[in-house]
Amino acid sequence: MGGNLKVWVSGLERNCSGDYQWCSAGGEQFDKSQALWAENEPRKSSGSCVALAVDAPNVGLSVENCNSNYSFVCEAMPEP
């Protein structure tokens, strides 16, 4: 694959602060110590929405323009 396959996840930058939060999970802030971001992310850009790059070589979260046309991943409650 070409390294461009991305899907929307529920991440969003709030108030232009550079702090990203999950819109699901009660608005929990991203743990910056976790290795979730793709290389060179998060970066200053015109976007404030978060997508997941699922295609090698740069797998991870990236900041994207919210008007980009990507598929999305839904959250589901785990079965007991």
N, C-alpha and C. Protein backbone atom coordinates (compact mmCIF):
# COMPACT_ATOMS: atom_id res chain seq x y z
N MET A 1 0.84 -1.19 0.00
CA MET A 1 0.00 0.00 0.00
C MET A 1 0.88 1.24 0.00
N GLY A 2 0.27 2.39 -0.28
CA GLY A 2 1.04 3.59 -0.51
C GLY A 2 1.32 4.48 0.68
N GLY A 3 0.89 4.13 1.87
CA GLY A 3 1.17 4.96 3.03
C GLY A 3 0.19 6.10 3.24
N ASN A 4 -0.96 6.08 2.55
CA ASN A 4 -1.91 7.18 2.65
C ASN A 4 -3.27 6.77 3.19
N LEU A 5 -3.45 5.55 3.63
CA LEU A 5 -4.73 5.09 4.12
C LEU A 5 -4.93 5.62 5.54
N LYS A 6 -5.95 6.47 5.72
CA LYS A 6 -6.24 7.06 7.03
C LYS A 6 -7.72 6.92 7.34
N VAL A 7 -8.03 6.82 8.61
CA VAL A 7 -9.42 6.78 9.08
C VAL A 7 -9.58 7.78 10.21
N TRP A 8 -10.78 8.36 10.30
CA TRP A 8 -11.06 9.27 11.40
C TRP A 8 -11.21 8.51 12.70
N VAL A 9 -10.68 9.07 13.77
CA VAL A 9 -10.92 8.59 15.13
C VAL A 9 -11.52 9.78 15.89
N SER A 10 -11.85 9.61 17.13
CA SER A 10 -12.60 10.66 17.83
C SER A 10 -11.72 11.73 18.47
N GLY A 11 -10.50 11.90 17.99
CA GLY A 11 -9.61 12.92 18.55
C GLY A 11 -9.86 14.29 17.96
N LEU A 12 -9.68 15.32 18.78
CA LEU A 12 -9.93 16.69 18.35
C LEU A 12 -9.09 17.65 19.18
N GLU A 13 -8.55 18.66 18.52
CA GLU A 13 -7.84 19.71 19.25
C GLU A 13 -8.87 20.69 19.79
N ARG A 14 -8.71 21.08 21.03
CA ARG A 14 -9.66 22.00 21.66
C ARG A 14 -9.04 23.38 21.83
N ASN A 15 -9.75 24.41 21.46
CA ASN A 15 -9.39 25.81 21.71
C ASN A 15 -8.03 26.22 21.15
N CYS A 16 -7.60 25.61 20.06
CA CYS A 16 -6.32 25.97 19.41
C CYS A 16 -5.15 25.93 20.39
N SER A 17 -5.21 25.06 21.37
CA SER A 17 -4.20 25.03 22.42
C SER A 17 -3.07 24.04 22.14
N GLY A 18 -3.25 23.18 21.14
CA GLY A 18 -2.28 22.13 20.90
C GLY A 18 -2.50 20.91 21.78
N ASP A 19 -3.54 20.97 22.62
CA ASP A 19 -3.90 19.81 23.44
C ASP A 19 -5.03 19.07 22.74
N TYR A 20 -4.85 17.78 22.58
CA TYR A 20 -5.83 16.96 21.87
C TYR A 20 -6.57 16.10 22.86
N GLN A 21 -7.87 15.92 22.60
CA GLN A 21 -8.73 15.14 23.47
C GLN A 21 -9.51 14.15 22.64
N TRP A 22 -9.93 13.07 23.30
CA TRP A 22 -10.86 12.13 22.68
C TRP A 22 -12.26 12.70 22.86
N CYS A 23 -13.04 12.76 21.81
CA CYS A 23 -14.42 13.22 21.93
C CYS A 23 -15.27 12.16 22.63
N SER A 24 -14.93 10.90 22.43
CA SER A 24 -15.56 9.84 23.19
C SER A 24 -14.76 9.68 24.48
N ALA A 25 -15.04 8.72 25.26
CA ALA A 25 -14.31 8.45 26.51
C ALA A 25 -14.33 9.65 27.44
N GLY A 26 -15.41 10.42 27.41
CA GLY A 26 -15.58 11.52 28.35
C GLY A 26 -14.66 12.70 28.13
N GLY A 27 -14.11 12.87 26.94
CA GLY A 27 -13.25 14.01 26.66
C GLY A 27 -11.88 13.91 27.27
N GLU A 28 -11.44 12.69 27.53
CA GLU A 28 -10.13 12.45 28.14
C GLU A 28 -9.01 13.00 27.26
N GLN A 29 -8.07 13.69 27.86
CA GLN A 29 -6.94 14.26 27.12
C GLN A 29 -5.97 13.16 26.71
N PHE A 30 -5.35 13.31 25.53
CA PHE A 30 -4.35 12.35 25.07
C PHE A 30 -3.21 12.29 26.07
N ASP A 31 -2.73 11.11 26.34
CA ASP A 31 -1.55 10.93 27.17
C ASP A 31 -0.33 11.08 26.27
N LYS A 32 0.36 12.20 26.38
CA LYS A 32 1.49 12.49 25.49
C LYS A 32 2.67 11.55 25.68
N SER A 33 2.68 10.81 26.78
CA SER A 33 3.78 9.88 27.00
C SER A 33 3.57 8.58 26.22
N GLN A 34 2.35 8.36 25.73
CA GLN A 34 2.08 7.16 24.96
C GLN A 34 2.54 7.37 23.52
N ALA A 35 2.99 6.33 22.90
CA ALA A 35 3.50 6.41 21.52
C ALA A 35 2.36 6.24 20.53
N LEU A 36 1.40 7.17 20.55
CA LEU A 36 0.26 7.08 19.65
C LEU A 36 0.46 7.86 18.36
N TRP A 37 1.22 8.92 18.42
CA TRP A 37 1.39 9.80 17.28
C TRP A 37 2.33 9.20 16.24
N ALA A 38 2.01 9.41 14.98
CA ALA A 38 2.92 9.04 13.90
C ALA A 38 4.15 9.94 13.97
N GLU A 39 5.19 9.58 13.27
CA GLU A 39 6.42 10.38 13.26
C GLU A 39 6.12 11.81 12.82
N ASN A 40 6.73 12.78 13.51
CA ASN A 40 6.56 14.23 13.24
C ASN A 40 5.16 14.75 13.55
N GLU A 41 4.40 14.06 14.37
CA GLU A 41 3.07 14.48 14.78
C GLU A 41 3.04 14.66 16.29
N PRO A 42 2.18 15.47 16.86
CA PRO A 42 1.28 16.37 16.15
C PRO A 42 2.06 17.56 15.61
N ARG A 43 1.64 18.05 14.49
CA ARG A 43 2.32 19.16 13.83
C ARG A 43 1.37 20.33 13.72
N LYS A 44 1.94 21.51 13.57
CA LYS A 44 1.12 22.70 13.33
C LYS A 44 0.54 22.55 11.92
N SER A 45 -0.74 22.67 11.80
CA SER A 45 -1.38 22.54 10.49
C SER A 45 -2.69 23.30 10.52
N SER A 46 -3.39 23.29 9.41
CA SER A 46 -4.69 23.94 9.36
C SER A 46 -5.78 23.05 9.91
N GLY A 47 -5.42 21.85 10.32
CA GLY A 47 -6.42 20.92 10.83
C GLY A 47 -6.47 20.88 12.34
N SER A 48 -7.60 20.40 12.84
CA SER A 48 -7.72 20.22 14.28
C SER A 48 -8.38 18.88 14.60
N CYS A 49 -8.52 18.03 13.59
CA CYS A 49 -9.09 16.71 13.79
C CYS A 49 -7.98 15.66 13.71
N VAL A 50 -8.24 14.51 14.29
CA VAL A 50 -7.21 13.48 14.37
C VAL A 50 -7.64 12.24 13.58
N ALA A 51 -6.74 11.79 12.72
CA ALA A 51 -6.95 10.57 11.95
C ALA A 51 -5.89 9.56 12.34
N LEU A 52 -6.16 8.31 12.04
CA LEU A 52 -5.20 7.24 12.28
C LEU A 52 -4.70 6.75 10.94
N ALA A 53 -3.39 6.88 10.71
CA ALA A 53 -2.76 6.32 9.52
C ALA A 53 -2.58 4.83 9.77
N VAL A 54 -3.19 4.00 8.93
CA VAL A 54 -3.17 2.56 9.16
C VAL A 54 -2.35 1.83 8.10
N ASP A 55 -1.58 2.58 7.35
CA ASP A 55 -0.82 2.04 6.25
C ASP A 55 0.66 2.34 6.47
N ALA A 56 1.51 1.34 6.44
CA ALA A 56 2.95 1.54 6.65
C ALA A 56 3.49 2.50 5.60
N PRO A 57 4.52 3.25 5.85
CA PRO A 57 5.47 3.07 6.94
C PRO A 57 5.19 3.95 8.15
N ASN A 58 4.28 4.90 8.09
CA ASN A 58 4.12 5.87 9.17
C ASN A 58 2.78 5.67 9.88
N VAL A 59 2.64 4.54 10.59
CA VAL A 59 1.41 4.21 11.29
C VAL A 59 1.32 5.03 12.57
N GLY A 60 0.14 5.58 12.85
CA GLY A 60 -0.08 6.34 14.07
C GLY A 60 -1.07 7.47 13.84
N LEU A 61 -1.28 8.28 14.86
CA LEU A 61 -2.22 9.40 14.79
C LEU A 61 -1.60 10.58 14.08
N SER A 62 -2.42 11.31 13.33
CA SER A 62 -1.95 12.50 12.63
C SER A 62 -3.02 13.58 12.67
N VAL A 63 -2.58 14.83 12.63
CA VAL A 63 -3.49 15.98 12.61
C VAL A 63 -3.88 16.23 11.16
N GLU A 64 -5.17 16.37 10.92
CA GLU A 64 -5.68 16.53 9.56
C GLU A 64 -6.74 17.62 9.51
N ASN A 65 -6.95 18.14 8.32
CA ASN A 65 -8.05 19.08 8.08
C ASN A 65 -9.35 18.32 8.27
N CYS A 66 -10.27 18.86 9.04
CA CYS A 66 -11.52 18.17 9.37
C CYS A 66 -12.41 17.94 8.15
N ASN A 67 -12.15 18.61 7.04
CA ASN A 67 -12.93 18.43 5.83
C ASN A 67 -12.39 17.33 4.92
N SER A 68 -11.29 16.68 5.33
CA SER A 68 -10.73 15.60 4.52
C SER A 68 -11.71 14.44 4.46
N ASN A 69 -11.72 13.75 3.33
CA ASN A 69 -12.68 12.67 3.10
C ASN A 69 -12.05 11.32 3.45
N TYR A 70 -12.16 10.92 4.72
CA TYR A 70 -11.66 9.63 5.19
C TYR A 70 -12.83 8.82 5.72
N SER A 71 -12.65 7.51 5.76
CA SER A 71 -13.62 6.65 6.44
C SER A 71 -13.46 6.89 7.94
N PHE A 72 -14.26 6.22 8.75
CA PHE A 72 -14.17 6.44 10.19
C PHE A 72 -14.25 5.13 10.94
N VAL A 73 -13.77 5.16 12.17
CA VAL A 73 -13.82 4.01 13.06
C VAL A 73 -14.81 4.34 14.16
N CYS A 74 -15.71 3.40 14.44
CA CYS A 74 -16.70 3.61 15.49
C CYS A 74 -16.23 2.97 16.78
N GLU A 75 -16.64 3.55 17.88
CA GLU A 75 -16.34 3.00 19.20
C GLU A 75 -17.49 2.10 19.62
N ALA A 76 -17.16 0.97 20.23
CA ALA A 76 -18.19 0.06 20.72
C ALA A 76 -17.84 -0.37 22.13
N MET A 77 -18.85 -0.62 22.91
CA MET A 77 -18.63 -1.10 24.27
C MET A 77 -18.25 -2.58 24.20
N PRO A 78 -17.24 -2.98 24.95
CA PRO A 78 -16.87 -4.41 24.96
C PRO A 78 -17.97 -5.25 25.59
N GLU A 79 -18.12 -6.44 25.06
CA GLU A 79 -19.12 -7.33 25.64
C GLU A 79 -18.61 -7.87 26.97
N PRO A 80 -19.52 -8.06 27.93
CA PRO A 80 -19.09 -8.56 29.26
C PRO A 80 -18.57 -9.98 29.19
